[in-house]
Amino acid sequence: MPDKLVNFKAEFFKALANPLRIRILDELREEELTVSEIRDRLDVELPNISQQLAVLRSKNLVVSRKQGNNIYYSCSDPTVFRLLDVAKEIFNNHLIDLQKTLNEL
Protein backbone atom coordinates (compact mmCIF):
# COMPACT_ATOMS: atom_id res chain seq x y z
CA MET A 1 0.00 0.00 0.00
CA PRO A 2 1.49 3.39 -0.96
CA ASP A 3 2.74 5.56 1.91
CA LYS A 4 0.44 8.43 0.94
CA LEU A 5 -2.61 6.21 1.28
CA VAL A 6 -1.42 4.84 4.62
CA ASN A 7 -0.84 8.39 5.86
CA PHE A 8 -4.26 9.48 4.62
CA LYS A 9 -5.90 6.60 6.47
CA ALA A 10 -3.97 7.38 9.65
CA GLU A 11 -5.03 11.04 9.52
CA PHE A 12 -8.62 10.03 8.89
CA PHE A 13 -8.65 7.74 11.92
CA LYS A 14 -6.96 10.42 14.04
CA ALA A 15 -9.99 12.61 13.35
CA LEU A 16 -12.16 9.86 14.83
CA ALA A 17 -9.81 9.28 17.78
CA ASN A 18 -11.58 11.71 20.09
CA PRO A 19 -14.63 10.84 22.19
CA LEU A 20 -16.26 14.23 21.67
CA ARG A 21 -15.88 14.02 17.89
CA ILE A 22 -17.54 10.61 17.91
CA ARG A 23 -20.34 11.97 20.09
CA ILE A 24 -20.80 14.88 17.66
CA LEU A 25 -20.98 12.51 14.70
CA ASP A 26 -23.51 10.37 16.56
CA GLU A 27 -25.68 13.46 17.07
CA LEU A 28 -25.43 14.22 13.35
CA ARG A 29 -26.48 10.69 12.45
CA GLU A 30 -30.16 11.55 12.01
CA GLU A 31 -30.26 15.27 11.32
CA GLU A 32 -28.25 18.38 10.74
CA LEU A 33 -27.70 20.58 13.78
CA THR A 34 -26.36 23.98 14.76
CA VAL A 35 -23.42 24.31 17.15
CA SER A 36 -25.84 25.45 19.86
CA GLU A 37 -28.03 22.40 19.35
CA ILE A 38 -25.01 20.13 19.56
CA ARG A 39 -23.86 21.94 22.71
CA ASP A 40 -27.27 21.53 24.33
CA ARG A 41 -27.44 17.83 23.52
CA LEU A 42 -23.91 17.06 24.67
CA ASP A 43 -23.65 19.59 27.51
CA VAL A 44 -20.19 20.70 26.38
CA GLU A 45 -18.84 24.25 26.13
CA LEU A 46 -19.39 25.96 22.78
CA PRO A 47 -15.67 26.62 22.05
CA ASN A 48 -14.90 22.93 22.54
CA ILE A 49 -17.70 21.93 20.15
CA SER A 50 -16.47 24.46 17.57
CA GLN A 51 -12.89 23.22 17.87
CA GLN A 52 -13.90 19.61 17.33
CA LEU A 53 -16.18 20.51 14.42
CA ALA A 54 -13.21 22.28 12.82
CA VAL A 55 -11.19 19.06 13.00
CA LEU A 56 -14.07 17.06 11.51
CA ARG A 57 -14.48 19.66 8.74
CA SER A 58 -10.75 19.61 7.97
CA LYS A 59 -11.01 15.86 7.31
CA ASN A 60 -14.22 16.29 5.29
CA LEU A 61 -16.27 14.32 7.80
CA VAL A 62 -18.77 17.14 8.28
CA VAL A 63 -20.03 19.93 6.08
CA SER A 64 -21.82 23.12 6.96
CA ARG A 65 -24.42 25.33 5.38
CA LYS A 66 -25.58 28.77 6.41
CA GLN A 67 -29.26 29.59 6.77
CA GLY A 68 -29.99 33.05 8.08
CA ASN A 69 -27.91 33.56 11.22
CA ASN A 70 -27.43 29.84 11.78
CA ILE A 71 -24.82 27.43 10.49
CA TYR A 72 -26.03 23.85 10.22
CA TYR A 73 -23.65 20.91 10.35
CA SER A 74 -24.19 17.49 8.87
CA CYS A 75 -22.15 14.42 8.13
CA SER A 76 -20.62 14.65 4.68
CA ASP A 77 -20.70 10.89 4.06
CA PRO A 78 -23.14 8.64 5.94
CA THR A 79 -20.78 5.72 5.28
CA VAL A 80 -18.83 6.92 8.31
CA PHE A 81 -21.72 5.71 10.47
CA ARG A 82 -21.24 2.18 9.15
CA LEU A 83 -17.60 2.46 10.16
CA LEU A 84 -18.57 3.62 13.66
CA ASP A 85 -21.11 0.81 13.92
CA VAL A 86 -18.53 -1.79 12.89
CA ALA A 87 -16.08 -0.36 15.44
CA LYS A 88 -18.76 -0.65 18.13
CA GLU A 89 -19.38 -4.27 17.12
CA ILE A 90 -15.65 -5.02 17.34
CA PHE A 91 -15.45 -3.44 20.79
CA ASN A 92 -18.51 -5.37 21.95
CA ASN A 93 -16.93 -8.63 20.74
CA HIS A 94 -13.76 -7.80 22.67
CA LEU A 95 -15.80 -7.12 25.79
CA ILE A 96 -17.66 -10.40 25.40
CA ASP A 97 -14.35 -12.26 25.06
CA LEU A 98 -12.97 -10.44 28.10
CA GLN A 99 -16.08 -11.27 30.12
CA LYS A 100 -15.73 -14.95 29.19
CA THR A 101 -12.10 -14.91 30.29
CA LEU A 102 -13.00 -13.25 33.59
CA ASN A 103 -15.78 -15.78 34.19
CA GLU A 104 -13.27 -18.60 33.74
CA LEU A 105 -11.05 -17.24 36.53
PDB file of N, CA and C in Angstrom:
ATOM      1  N   MET A   1       0.858  -1.172   0.000  1.00  0.00           N
ATOM      2  CA  MET A   1       0.000   0.000   0.000  1.00  0.00           C
ATOM      3  C   MET A   1       0.909   1.241   0.000  1.00  0.00           C
ATOM      4  N   PRO A   2       0.652   2.185  -0.883  1.00  0.00           N
ATOM      5  CA  PRO A   2       1.490   3.387  -0.956  1.00  0.00           C
ATOM      6  C   PRO A   2       1.468   4.185   0.356  1.00  0.00           C
ATOM      7  N   ASP A   3       2.614   4.786   0.674  1.00  0.00           N
ATOM      8  CA  ASP A   3       2.741   5.565   1.911  1.00  0.00           C
ATOM      9  C   ASP A   3       1.707   6.677   2.010  1.00  0.00           C
ATOM     10  N   LYS A   4       1.413   7.331   0.899  1.00  0.00           N
ATOM     11  CA  LYS A   4       0.438   8.428   0.942  1.00  0.00           C
ATOM     12  C   LYS A   4      -0.936   7.931   1.381  1.00  0.00           C
ATOM     13  N   LEU A   5      -1.312   6.771   0.895  1.00  0.00           N
ATOM     14  CA  LEU A   5      -2.607   6.207   1.276  1.00  0.00           C
ATOM     15  C   LEU A   5      -2.615   5.810   2.749  1.00  0.00           C
ATOM     16  N   VAL A   6      -1.528   5.216   3.208  1.00  0.00           N
ATOM     17  CA  VAL A   6      -1.422   4.844   4.621  1.00  0.00           C
ATOM     18  C   VAL A   6      -1.508   6.096   5.491  1.00  0.00           C
ATOM     19  N   ASN A   7      -0.802   7.140   5.103  1.00  0.00           N
ATOM     20  CA  ASN A   7      -0.840   8.394   5.865  1.00  0.00           C
ATOM     21  C   ASN A   7      -2.236   9.007   5.852  1.00  0.00           C
ATOM     22  N   PHE A   8      -2.896   8.961   4.709  1.00  0.00           N
ATOM     23  CA  PHE A   8      -4.260   9.484   4.618  1.00  0.00           C
ATOM     24  C   PHE A   8      -5.181   8.734   5.573  1.00  0.00           C
ATOM     25  N   LYS A   9      -5.067   7.414   5.577  1.00  0.00           N
ATOM     26  CA  LYS A   9      -5.898   6.601   6.471  1.00  0.00           C
ATOM     27  C   LYS A   9      -5.611   6.928   7.932  1.00  0.00           C
ATOM     28  N   ALA A  10      -4.336   7.068   8.262  1.00  0.00           N
ATOM     29  CA  ALA A  10      -3.967   7.382   9.648  1.00  0.00           C
ATOM     30  C   ALA A  10      -4.546   8.726  10.068  1.00  0.00           C
ATOM     31  N   GLU A  11      -4.469   9.718   9.202  1.00  0.00           N
ATOM     32  CA  GLU A  11      -5.027  11.039   9.519  1.00  0.00           C
ATOM     33  C   GLU A  11      -6.544  10.977   9.651  1.00  0.00           C
ATOM     34  N   PHE A  12      -7.170  10.197   8.818  1.00  0.00           N
ATOM     35  CA  PHE A  12      -8.619  10.028   8.892  1.00  0.00           C
ATOM     36  C   PHE A  12      -9.011   9.436  10.244  1.00  0.00           C
ATOM     37  N   PHE A  13      -8.312   8.374  10.645  1.00  0.00           N
ATOM     38  CA  PHE A  13      -8.645   7.736  11.915  1.00  0.00           C
ATOM     39  C   PHE A  13      -8.286   8.620  13.105  1.00  0.00           C
ATOM     40  N   LYS A  14      -7.271   9.463  12.965  1.00  0.00           N
ATOM     41  CA  LYS A  14      -6.964  10.425  14.036  1.00  0.00           C
ATOM     42  C   LYS A  14      -8.149  11.348  14.277  1.00  0.00           C
ATOM     43  N   ALA A  15      -8.819  11.722  13.204  1.00  0.00           N
ATOM     44  CA  ALA A  15      -9.986  12.608  13.348  1.00  0.00           C
ATOM     45  C   ALA A  15     -11.097  11.924  14.130  1.00  0.00           C
ATOM     46  N   LEU A  16     -11.138  10.610  14.090  1.00  0.00           N
ATOM     47  CA  LEU A  16     -12.159   9.859  14.828  1.00  0.00           C
ATOM     48  C   LEU A  16     -11.677   9.458  16.225  1.00  0.00           C
ATOM     49  N   ALA A  17     -10.419   9.741  16.527  1.00  0.00           N
ATOM     50  CA  ALA A  17      -9.814   9.281  17.779  1.00  0.00           C
ATOM     51  C   ALA A  17     -10.034  10.266  18.925  1.00  0.00           C
ATOM     52  N   ASN A  18     -11.237  10.770  19.023  1.00  0.00           N
ATOM     53  CA  ASN A  18     -11.577  11.708  20.090  1.00  0.00           C
ATOM     54  C   ASN A  18     -13.022  11.435  20.493  1.00  0.00           C
ATOM     55  N   PRO A  19     -13.265  11.178  21.762  1.00  0.00           N
ATOM     56  CA  PRO A  19     -14.631  10.843  22.186  1.00  0.00           C
ATOM     57  C   PRO A  19     -15.666  11.912  21.839  1.00  0.00           C
ATOM     58  N   LEU A  20     -15.293  13.177  21.967  1.00  0.00           N
ATOM     59  CA  LEU A  20     -16.262  14.229  21.665  1.00  0.00           C
ATOM     60  C   LEU A  20     -16.591  14.262  20.178  1.00  0.00           C
ATOM     61  N   ARG A  21     -15.613  14.039  19.339  1.00  0.00           N
ATOM     62  CA  ARG A  21     -15.884  14.020  17.892  1.00  0.00           C
ATOM     63  C   ARG A  21     -16.822  12.878  17.535  1.00  0.00           C
ATOM     64  N   ILE A  22     -16.634  11.742  18.167  1.00  0.00           N
ATOM     65  CA  ILE A  22     -17.536  10.613  17.914  1.00  0.00           C
ATOM     66  C   ILE A  22     -18.935  10.944  18.411  1.00  0.00           C
ATOM     67  N   ARG A  23     -19.029  11.575  19.564  1.00  0.00           N
ATOM     68  CA  ARG A  23     -20.344  11.966  20.086  1.00  0.00           C
ATOM     69  C   ARG A  23     -21.019  12.967  19.147  1.00  0.00           C
ATOM     70  N   ILE A  24     -20.238  13.903  18.601  1.00  0.00           N
ATOM     71  CA  ILE A  24     -20.796  14.879  17.657  1.00  0.00           C
ATOM     72  C   ILE A  24     -21.327  14.153  16.424  1.00  0.00           C
ATOM     73  N   LEU A  25     -20.527  13.255  15.873  1.00  0.00           N
ATOM     74  CA  LEU A  25     -20.979  12.506  14.696  1.00  0.00           C
ATOM     75  C   LEU A  25     -22.239  11.714  15.002  1.00  0.00           C
ATOM     76  N   ASP A  26     -22.299  11.114  16.182  1.00  0.00           N
ATOM     77  CA  ASP A  26     -23.509  10.373  16.556  1.00  0.00           C
ATOM     78  C   ASP A  26     -24.730  11.287  16.596  1.00  0.00           C
ATOM     79  N   GLU A  27     -24.559  12.509  17.051  1.00  0.00           N
ATOM     80  CA  GLU A  27     -25.678  13.462  17.070  1.00  0.00           C
ATOM     81  C   GLU A  27     -26.100  13.846  15.659  1.00  0.00           C
ATOM     82  N   LEU A  28     -25.143  13.847  14.738  1.00  0.00           N
ATOM     83  CA  LEU A  28     -25.432  14.221  13.348  1.00  0.00           C
ATOM     84  C   LEU A  28     -25.922  13.033  12.522  1.00  0.00           C
ATOM     85  N   ARG A  29     -26.066  11.915  13.149  1.00  0.00           N
ATOM     86  CA  ARG A  29     -26.476  10.692  12.449  1.00  0.00           C
ATOM     87  C   ARG A  29     -27.847  10.846  11.801  1.00  0.00           C
ATOM     88  N   GLU A  30     -28.776  11.472  12.486  1.00  0.00           N
ATOM     89  CA  GLU A  30     -30.163  11.545  12.011  1.00  0.00           C
ATOM     90  C   GLU A  30     -30.550  12.885  11.397  1.00  0.00           C
ATOM     91  N   GLU A  31     -29.845  13.953  11.808  1.00  0.00           N
ATOM     92  CA  GLU A  31     -30.258  15.273  11.323  1.00  0.00           C
ATOM     93  C   GLU A  31     -29.112  16.264  11.414  1.00  0.00           C
ATOM     94  N   GLU A  32     -29.229  17.321  10.638  1.00  0.00           N
ATOM     95  CA  GLU A  32     -28.245  18.384  10.740  1.00  0.00           C
ATOM     96  C   GLU A  32     -28.578  19.241  11.956  1.00  0.00           C
ATOM     97  N   LEU A  33     -27.530  19.811  12.555  1.00  0.00           N
ATOM     98  CA  LEU A  33     -27.704  20.576  13.782  1.00  0.00           C
ATOM     99  C   LEU A  33     -26.812  21.806  13.775  1.00  0.00           C
ATOM    100  N   THR A  34     -27.219  22.815  14.542  1.00  0.00           N
ATOM    101  CA  THR A  34     -26.362  23.976  14.764  1.00  0.00           C
ATOM    102  C   THR A  34     -25.397  23.656  15.902  1.00  0.00           C
ATOM    103  N   VAL A  35     -24.368  24.489  16.051  1.00  0.00           N
ATOM    104  CA  VAL A  35     -23.419  24.315  17.149  1.00  0.00           C
ATOM    105  C   VAL A  35     -24.148  24.383  18.484  1.00  0.00           C
ATOM    106  N   SER A  36     -25.079  25.312  18.603  1.00  0.00           N
ATOM    107  CA  SER A  36     -25.835  25.452  19.859  1.00  0.00           C
ATOM    108  C   SER A  36     -26.654  24.208  20.159  1.00  0.00           C
ATOM    109  N   GLU A  37     -27.254  23.631  19.139  1.00  0.00           N
ATOM    110  CA  GLU A  37     -28.032  22.403  19.347  1.00  0.00           C
ATOM    111  C   GLU A  37     -27.132  21.249  19.779  1.00  0.00           C
ATOM    112  N   ILE A  38     -25.962  21.166  19.164  1.00  0.00           N
ATOM    113  CA  ILE A  38     -25.006  20.127  19.557  1.00  0.00           C
ATOM    114  C   ILE A  38     -24.573  20.355  21.003  1.00  0.00           C
ATOM    115  N   ARG A  39     -24.264  21.593  21.342  1.00  0.00           N
ATOM    116  CA  ARG A  39     -23.861  21.935  22.707  1.00  0.00           C
ATOM    117  C   ARG A  39     -24.937  21.527  23.706  1.00  0.00           C
ATOM    118  N   ASP A  40     -26.179  21.855  23.411  1.00  0.00           N
ATOM    119  CA  ASP A  40     -27.273  21.533  24.325  1.00  0.00           C
ATOM    120  C   ASP A  40     -27.433  20.025  24.505  1.00  0.00           C
ATOM    121  N   ARG A  41     -27.264  19.284  23.437  1.00  0.00           N
ATOM    122  CA  ARG A  41     -27.440  17.828  23.519  1.00  0.00           C
ATOM    123  C   ARG A  41     -26.289  17.151  24.259  1.00  0.00           C
ATOM    124  N   LEU A  42     -25.084  17.700  24.085  1.00  0.00           N
ATOM    125  CA  LEU A  42     -23.907  17.058  24.674  1.00  0.00           C
ATOM    126  C   LEU A  42     -23.459  17.706  25.978  1.00  0.00           C
ATOM    127  N   ASP A  43     -24.014  18.860  26.296  1.00  0.00           N
ATOM    128  CA  ASP A  43     -23.651  19.591  27.511  1.00  0.00           C
ATOM    129  C   ASP A  43     -22.138  19.831  27.582  1.00  0.00           C
ATOM    130  N   VAL A  44     -21.609  20.387  26.498  1.00  0.00           N
ATOM    131  CA  VAL A  44     -20.189  20.702  26.378  1.00  0.00           C
ATOM    132  C   VAL A  44     -20.083  22.168  25.982  1.00  0.00           C
ATOM    133  N   GLU A  45     -19.032  22.832  26.440  1.00  0.00           N
ATOM    134  CA  GLU A  45     -18.845  24.251  26.134  1.00  0.00           C
ATOM    135  C   GLU A  45     -18.759  24.489  24.624  1.00  0.00           C
ATOM    136  N   LEU A  46     -19.334  25.602  24.201  1.00  0.00           N
ATOM    137  CA  LEU A  46     -19.389  25.964  22.784  1.00  0.00           C
ATOM    138  C   LEU A  46     -18.016  25.996  22.107  1.00  0.00           C
ATOM    139  N   PRO A  47     -16.983  26.612  22.727  1.00  0.00           N
ATOM    140  CA  PRO A  47     -15.673  26.622  22.052  1.00  0.00           C
ATOM    141  C   PRO A  47     -15.118  25.217  21.794  1.00  0.00           C
ATOM    142  N   ASN A  48     -15.375  24.305  22.716  1.00  0.00           N
ATOM    143  CA  ASN A  48     -14.903  22.935  22.536  1.00  0.00           C
ATOM    144  C   ASN A  48     -15.624  22.262  21.367  1.00  0.00           C
ATOM    145  N   ILE A  49     -16.931  22.474  21.278  1.00  0.00           N
ATOM    146  CA  ILE A  49     -17.701  21.929  20.146  1.00  0.00           C
ATOM    147  C   ILE A  49     -17.158  22.498  18.834  1.00  0.00           C
ATOM    148  N   SER A  50     -16.961  23.806  18.791  1.00  0.00           N
ATOM    149  CA  SER A  50     -16.470  24.457  17.567  1.00  0.00           C
ATOM    150  C   SER A  50     -15.102  23.927  17.168  1.00  0.00           C
ATOM    151  N   GLN A  51     -14.233  23.732  18.151  1.00  0.00           N
ATOM    152  CA  GLN A  51     -12.892  23.218  17.874  1.00  0.00           C
ATOM    153  C   GLN A  51     -12.963  21.817  17.271  1.00  0.00           C
ATOM    154  N   GLN A  52     -13.802  20.977  17.833  1.00  0.00           N
ATOM    155  CA  GLN A  52     -13.902  19.609  17.330  1.00  0.00           C
ATOM    156  C   GLN A  52     -14.590  19.558  15.965  1.00  0.00           C
ATOM    157  N   LEU A  53     -15.556  20.429  15.750  1.00  0.00           N
ATOM    158  CA  LEU A  53     -16.179  20.515  14.421  1.00  0.00           C
ATOM    159  C   LEU A  53     -15.153  20.940  13.374  1.00  0.00           C
ATOM    160  N   ALA A  54     -14.245  21.833  13.748  1.00  0.00           N
ATOM    161  CA  ALA A  54     -13.206  22.280  12.815  1.00  0.00           C
ATOM    162  C   ALA A  54     -12.323  21.106  12.395  1.00  0.00           C
ATOM    163  N   VAL A  55     -11.988  20.245  13.336  1.00  0.00           N
ATOM    164  CA  VAL A  55     -11.187  19.060  13.001  1.00  0.00           C
ATOM    165  C   VAL A  55     -11.972  18.156  12.055  1.00  0.00           C
ATOM    166  N   LEU A  56     -13.232  17.918  12.371  1.00  0.00           N
ATOM    167  CA  LEU A  56     -14.066  17.065  11.514  1.00  0.00           C
ATOM    168  C   LEU A  56     -14.235  17.670  10.122  1.00  0.00           C
ATOM    169  N   ARG A  57     -14.375  18.985  10.047  1.00  0.00           N
ATOM    170  CA  ARG A  57     -14.478  19.657   8.740  1.00  0.00           C
ATOM    171  C   ARG A  57     -13.176  19.519   7.962  1.00  0.00           C
ATOM    172  N   SER A  58     -12.049  19.661   8.656  1.00  0.00           N
ATOM    173  CA  SER A  58     -10.752  19.605   7.970  1.00  0.00           C
ATOM    174  C   SER A  58     -10.502  18.239   7.338  1.00  0.00           C
ATOM    175  N   LYS A  59     -11.141  17.212   7.868  1.00  0.00           N
ATOM    176  CA  LYS A  59     -11.009  15.863   7.308  1.00  0.00           C
ATOM    177  C   LYS A  59     -12.218  15.483   6.459  1.00  0.00           C
ATOM    178  N   ASN A  60     -13.033  16.477   6.144  1.00  0.00           N
ATOM    179  CA  ASN A  60     -14.219  16.292   5.294  1.00  0.00           C
ATOM    180  C   ASN A  60     -15.216  15.285   5.860  1.00  0.00           C
ATOM    181  N   LEU A  61     -15.288  15.202   7.174  1.00  0.00           N
ATOM    182  CA  LEU A  61     -16.268  14.322   7.805  1.00  0.00           C
ATOM    183  C   LEU A  61     -17.586  15.034   8.048  1.00  0.00           C
ATOM    184  N   VAL A  62     -17.550  16.351   8.168  1.00  0.00           N
ATOM    185  CA  VAL A  62     -18.775  17.135   8.281  1.00  0.00           C
ATOM    186  C   VAL A  62     -18.717  18.300   7.304  1.00  0.00           C
ATOM    187  N   VAL A  63     -19.887  18.749   6.926  1.00  0.00           N
ATOM    188  CA  VAL A  63     -20.030  19.929   6.081  1.00  0.00           C
ATOM    189  C   VAL A  63     -20.982  20.882   6.781  1.00  0.00           C
ATOM    190  N   SER A  64     -20.939  22.124   6.353  1.00  0.00           N
ATOM    191  CA  SER A  64     -21.819  23.117   6.963  1.00  0.00           C
ATOM    192  C   SER A  64     -22.538  23.898   5.879  1.00  0.00           C
ATOM    193  N   ARG A  65     -23.681  24.441   6.272  1.00  0.00           N
ATOM    194  CA  ARG A  65     -24.419  25.335   5.380  1.00  0.00           C
ATOM    195  C   ARG A  65     -25.018  26.432   6.244  1.00  0.00           C
ATOM    196  N   LYS A  66     -25.048  27.619   5.688  1.00  0.00           N
ATOM    197  CA  LYS A  66     -25.581  28.768   6.414  1.00  0.00           C
ATOM    198  C   LYS A  66     -27.027  29.001   6.003  1.00  0.00           C
ATOM    199  N   GLN A  67     -27.860  29.237   7.004  1.00  0.00           N
ATOM    200  CA  GLN A  67     -29.259  29.591   6.769  1.00  0.00           C
ATOM    201  C   GLN A  67     -29.593  30.709   7.745  1.00  0.00           C
ATOM    202  N   GLY A  68     -29.760  31.900   7.213  1.00  0.00           N
ATOM    203  CA  GLY A  68     -29.992  33.053   8.081  1.00  0.00           C
ATOM    204  C   GLY A  68     -28.785  33.278   8.967  1.00  0.00           C
ATOM    205  N   ASN A  69     -29.008  33.371  10.264  1.00  0.00           N
ATOM    206  CA  ASN A  69     -27.915  33.562  11.217  1.00  0.00           C
ATOM    207  C   ASN A  69     -27.319  32.248  11.710  1.00  0.00           C
ATOM    208  N   ASN A  70     -27.867  31.140  11.284  1.00  0.00           N
ATOM    209  CA  ASN A  70     -27.428  29.835  11.783  1.00  0.00           C
ATOM    210  C   ASN A  70     -26.557  29.108  10.771  1.00  0.00           C
ATOM    211  N   ILE A  71     -25.624  28.338  11.308  1.00  0.00           N
ATOM    212  CA  ILE A  71     -24.822  27.430  10.494  1.00  0.00           C
ATOM    213  C   ILE A  71     -25.188  26.019  10.919  1.00  0.00           C
ATOM    214  N   TYR A  72     -25.621  25.231   9.961  1.00  0.00           N
ATOM    215  CA  TYR A  72     -26.034  23.854  10.223  1.00  0.00           C
ATOM    216  C   TYR A  72     -24.928  22.900   9.787  1.00  0.00           C
ATOM    217  N   TYR A  73     -24.676  21.912  10.624  1.00  0.00           N
ATOM    218  CA  TYR A  73     -23.649  20.914  10.354  1.00  0.00           C
ATOM    219  C   TYR A  73     -24.305  19.572  10.091  1.00  0.00           C
ATOM    220  N   SER A  74     -23.716  18.837   9.170  1.00  0.00           N
ATOM    221  CA  SER A  74     -24.191  17.489   8.874  1.00  0.00           C
ATOM    222  C   SER A  74     -22.994  16.635   8.482  1.00  0.00           C
ATOM    223  N   CYS A  75     -23.198  15.348   8.528  1.00  0.00           N
ATOM    224  CA  CYS A  75     -22.150  14.417   8.128  1.00  0.00           C
ATOM    225  C   CYS A  75     -22.028  14.453   6.605  1.00  0.00           C
ATOM    226  N   SER A  76     -20.811  14.544   6.124  1.00  0.00           N
ATOM    227  CA  SER A  76     -20.615  14.649   4.676  1.00  0.00           C
ATOM    228  C   SER A  76     -20.790  13.315   3.962  1.00  0.00           C
ATOM    229  N   ASP A  77     -20.586  12.215   4.677  1.00  0.00           N
ATOM    230  CA  ASP A  77     -20.700  10.895   4.062  1.00  0.00           C
ATOM    231  C   ASP A  77     -21.257   9.918   5.096  1.00  0.00           C
ATOM    232  N   PRO A  78     -22.515   9.544   4.958  1.00  0.00           N
ATOM    233  CA  PRO A  78     -23.136   8.641   5.939  1.00  0.00           C
ATOM    234  C   PRO A  78     -22.428   7.292   6.079  1.00  0.00           C
ATOM    235  N   THR A  79     -21.543   6.960   5.161  1.00  0.00           N
ATOM    236  CA  THR A  79     -20.779   5.719   5.277  1.00  0.00           C
ATOM    237  C   THR A  79     -19.971   5.693   6.565  1.00  0.00           C
ATOM    238  N   VAL A  80     -19.599   6.857   7.067  1.00  0.00           N
ATOM    239  CA  VAL A  80     -18.827   6.916   8.310  1.00  0.00           C
ATOM    240  C   VAL A  80     -19.606   6.280   9.460  1.00  0.00           C
ATOM    241  N   PHE A  81     -20.926   6.324   9.404  1.00  0.00           N
ATOM    242  CA  PHE A  81     -21.723   5.710  10.467  1.00  0.00           C
ATOM    243  C   PHE A  81     -21.610   4.188  10.437  1.00  0.00           C
ATOM    244  N   ARG A  82     -21.475   3.626   9.248  1.00  0.00           N
ATOM    245  CA  ARG A  82     -21.243   2.179   9.153  1.00  0.00           C
ATOM    246  C   ARG A  82     -19.914   1.822   9.804  1.00  0.00           C
ATOM    247  N   LEU A  83     -18.913   2.673   9.554  1.00  0.00           N
ATOM    248  CA  LEU A  83     -17.599   2.460  10.159  1.00  0.00           C
ATOM    249  C   LEU A  83     -17.691   2.514  11.686  1.00  0.00           C
ATOM    250  N   LEU A  84     -18.397   3.506  12.209  1.00  0.00           N
ATOM    251  CA  LEU A  84     -18.567   3.616  13.659  1.00  0.00           C
ATOM    252  C   LEU A  84     -19.349   2.433  14.214  1.00  0.00           C
ATOM    253  N   ASP A  85     -20.335   1.970  13.476  1.00  0.00           N
ATOM    254  CA  ASP A  85     -21.114   0.810  13.919  1.00  0.00           C
ATOM    255  C   ASP A  85     -20.263  -0.457  13.941  1.00  0.00           C
ATOM    256  N   VAL A  86     -19.420  -0.633  12.931  1.00  0.00           N
ATOM    257  CA  VAL A  86     -18.530  -1.795  12.895  1.00  0.00           C
ATOM    258  C   VAL A  86     -17.530  -1.717  14.049  1.00  0.00           C
ATOM    259  N   ALA A  87     -17.004  -0.527  14.312  1.00  0.00           N
ATOM    260  CA  ALA A  87     -16.081  -0.360  15.439  1.00  0.00           C
ATOM    261  C   ALA A  87     -16.765  -0.736  16.749  1.00  0.00           C
ATOM    262  N   LYS A  88     -18.005  -0.311  16.916  1.00  0.00           N
ATOM    263  CA  LYS A  88     -18.760  -0.652  18.128  1.00  0.00           C
ATOM    264  C   LYS A  88     -18.935  -2.165  18.236  1.00  0.00           C
ATOM    265  N   GLU A  89     -19.218  -2.812  17.126  1.00  0.00           N
ATOM    266  CA  GLU A  89     -19.378  -4.265  17.121  1.00  0.00           C
ATOM    267  C   GLU A  89     -18.073  -4.959  17.512  1.00  0.00           C
ATOM    268  N   ILE A  90     -16.960  -4.461  16.987  1.00  0.00           N
ATOM    269  CA  ILE A  90     -15.648  -5.024  17.335  1.00  0.00           C
ATOM    270  C   ILE A  90     -15.395  -4.871  18.834  1.00  0.00           C
ATOM    271  N   PHE A  91     -15.661  -3.679  19.365  1.00  0.00           N
ATOM    272  CA  PHE A  91     -15.446  -3.445  20.795  1.00  0.00           C
ATOM    273  C   PHE A  91     -16.348  -4.336  21.631  1.00  0.00           C
ATOM    274  N   ASN A  92     -17.592  -4.496  21.219  1.00  0.00           N
ATOM    275  CA  ASN A  92     -18.513  -5.374  21.947  1.00  0.00           C
ATOM    276  C   ASN A  92     -18.005  -6.814  21.951  1.00  0.00           C
ATOM    277  N   ASN A  93     -17.486  -7.270  20.813  1.00  0.00           N
ATOM    278  CA  ASN A  93     -16.930  -8.625  20.738  1.00  0.00           C
ATOM    279  C   ASN A  93     -15.742  -8.783  21.682  1.00  0.00           C
ATOM    280  N   HIS A  94     -14.900  -7.758  21.750  1.00  0.00           N
ATOM    281  CA  HIS A  94     -13.756  -7.803  22.666  1.00  0.00           C
ATOM    282  C   HIS A  94     -14.234  -7.866  24.111  1.00  0.00           C
ATOM    283  N   LEU A  95     -15.263  -7.105  24.426  1.00  0.00           N
ATOM    284  CA  LEU A  95     -15.801  -7.118  25.787  1.00  0.00           C
ATOM    285  C   LEU A  95     -16.406  -8.474  26.132  1.00  0.00           C
ATOM    286  N   ILE A  96     -17.088  -9.069  25.180  1.00  0.00           N
ATOM    287  CA  ILE A  96     -17.663 -10.402  25.403  1.00  0.00           C
ATOM    288  C   ILE A  96     -16.551 -11.410  25.673  1.00  0.00           C
ATOM    289  N   ASP A  97     -15.489 -11.353  24.859  1.00  0.00           N
ATOM    290  CA  ASP A  97     -14.355 -12.260  25.065  1.00  0.00           C
ATOM    291  C   ASP A  97     -13.703 -12.022  26.419  1.00  0.00           C
ATOM    292  N   LEU A  98     -13.557 -10.776  26.799  1.00  0.00           N
ATOM    293  CA  LEU A  98     -12.969 -10.441  28.095  1.00  0.00           C
ATOM    294  C   LEU A  98     -13.842 -10.954  29.235  1.00  0.00           C
ATOM    295  N   GLN A  99     -15.151 -10.791  29.098  1.00  0.00           N
ATOM    296  CA  GLN A  99     -16.075 -11.274  30.124  1.00  0.00           C
ATOM    297  C   GLN A  99     -15.982 -12.793  30.263  1.00  0.00           C
ATOM    298  N   LYS A 100     -15.877 -13.493  29.140  1.00  0.00           N
ATOM    299  CA  LYS A 100     -15.734 -14.953  29.185  1.00  0.00           C
ATOM    300  C   LYS A 100     -14.454 -15.343  29.922  1.00  0.00           C
ATOM    301  N   THR A 101     -13.378 -14.640  29.624  1.00  0.00           N
ATOM    302  CA  THR A 101     -12.102 -14.914  30.290  1.00  0.00           C
ATOM    303  C   THR A 101     -12.209 -14.665  31.785  1.00  0.00           C
ATOM    304  N   LEU A 102     -12.836 -13.569  32.165  1.00  0.00           N
ATOM    305  CA  LEU A 102     -13.000 -13.255  33.586  1.00  0.00           C
ATOM    306  C   LEU A 102     -13.871 -14.290  34.288  1.00  0.00           C
ATOM    307  N   ASN A 103     -14.893 -14.769  33.608  1.00  0.00           N
ATOM    308  CA  ASN A 103     -15.775 -15.782  34.193  1.00  0.00           C
ATOM    309  C   ASN A 103     -15.052 -17.107  34.418  1.00  0.00           C
ATOM    310  N   GLU A 104     -14.035 -17.363  33.611  1.00  0.00           N
ATOM    311  CA  GLU A 104     -13.270 -18.602  33.744  1.00  0.00           C
ATOM    312  C   GLU A 104     -12.287 -18.550  34.904  1.00  0.00           C
ATOM    313  N   LEU A 105     -12.022 -17.377  35.417  1.00  0.00           N
ATOM    314  CA  LEU A 105     -11.054 -17.240  36.527  1.00  0.00           C
ATOM    315  C   LEU A 105     -11.640 -17.655  37.843  1.00  0.00           C
TER     316      LEU A 105
END
